[in-house]
């Protein structure tokens, strides 16, 4: 990653910290959600679509990368 890309990435992370949304799930729900992403490229942008009773209710477009774990990166 170039220095410029690293700077942009760091700035996006800073901005995201001020716009955090927490979605609480059961362990089973979290496993099902993350399991759908396991075969995808975690560094690529993604679209997360939420459905209720098979109806689309929301979409989140993720420009960054997926982080999965109990500790965080800088």
Protein backbone atom coordinates (compact mmCIF):
# COMPACT_ATOMS: atom_id res chain seq x y z
CA UNK A 1 0.00 0.00 0.00
CA UNK A 2 1.39 3.42 -0.91
CA UNK A 3 1.85 6.21 1.64
CA UNK A 4 -1.02 8.15 0.06
CA UNK A 5 -3.34 5.13 0.24
CA UNK A 6 -2.34 4.58 3.87
CA UNK A 7 -3.14 8.23 4.68
CA UNK A 8 -6.56 7.98 3.04
CA UNK A 9 -7.28 4.69 4.77
CA UNK A 10 -6.32 6.16 8.15
CA UNK A 11 -8.56 9.19 7.55
CA UNK A 12 -11.53 6.99 6.61
CA UNK A 13 -11.06 5.00 9.82
CA UNK A 14 -11.03 8.26 11.84
CA UNK A 15 -14.25 9.43 10.19
CA UNK A 16 -15.90 6.05 10.73
CA UNK A 17 -15.18 6.22 14.48
CA UNK A 18 -17.50 9.25 14.69
CA UNK A 19 -20.27 7.44 12.82
CA UNK A 20 -20.33 4.07 14.58
CA UNK A 21 -23.47 1.94 14.58
CA UNK A 22 -23.68 -1.05 16.92
CA UNK A 23 -25.89 -3.97 15.97
CA UNK A 24 -26.30 -6.51 18.78
CA UNK A 25 -26.64 -10.13 17.67
CA UNK A 26 -26.79 -13.52 19.30
CA UNK A 27 -23.72 -15.71 18.78
CA UNK A 28 -25.69 -17.75 16.25
CA UNK A 29 -26.78 -14.66 14.30
CA UNK A 30 -23.23 -13.28 14.26
CA UNK A 31 -21.89 -16.60 13.01
CA UNK A 32 -24.49 -16.71 10.23
CA UNK A 33 -23.75 -13.12 9.21
CA UNK A 34 -19.98 -13.48 9.16
CA UNK A 35 -20.18 -16.92 7.58
CA UNK A 36 -21.74 -15.36 4.49
CA UNK A 37 -18.66 -13.17 4.15
CA UNK A 38 -16.04 -15.90 4.68
CA UNK A 39 -15.71 -16.79 1.01
CA UNK A 40 -15.57 -13.13 -0.08
CA UNK A 41 -12.51 -10.86 -0.30
CA UNK A 42 -12.35 -9.11 3.12
CA UNK A 43 -10.32 -6.24 1.62
CA UNK A 44 -12.88 -5.41 -1.07
CA UNK A 45 -15.90 -3.10 -0.79
CA UNK A 46 -19.14 -4.91 -0.01
CA UNK A 47 -22.88 -4.42 0.24
CA UNK A 48 -24.68 -5.74 3.33
CA UNK A 49 -28.40 -6.20 2.76
CA UNK A 50 -30.85 -6.67 5.63
CA UNK A 51 -34.10 -8.52 5.11
CA UNK A 52 -37.09 -9.08 7.38
CA UNK A 53 -39.45 -11.85 6.36
CA UNK A 54 -37.67 -11.96 2.98
CA UNK A 55 -38.29 -8.25 2.32
CA UNK A 56 -35.36 -5.87 1.86
CA UNK A 57 -35.34 -3.30 4.67
CA UNK A 58 -31.86 -1.79 4.48
CA UNK A 59 -28.52 -1.85 2.69
CA UNK A 60 -25.12 -0.80 3.94
CA UNK A 61 -22.34 -0.22 1.45
CA UNK A 62 -18.97 -0.91 3.05
CA UNK A 63 -16.08 0.89 1.39
CA UNK A 64 -13.37 -0.45 3.68
CA UNK A 65 -12.56 -3.94 4.78
CA UNK A 66 -13.99 -6.51 7.11
CA UNK A 67 -12.43 -6.94 10.52
CA UNK A 68 -13.24 -10.10 12.42
CA UNK A 69 -11.91 -10.72 15.91
CA UNK A 70 -11.90 -9.58 19.51
CA UNK A 71 -9.03 -7.10 19.21
CA UNK A 72 -8.74 -4.20 16.82
CA UNK A 73 -6.18 -2.82 14.49
CA UNK A 74 -4.89 0.74 14.19
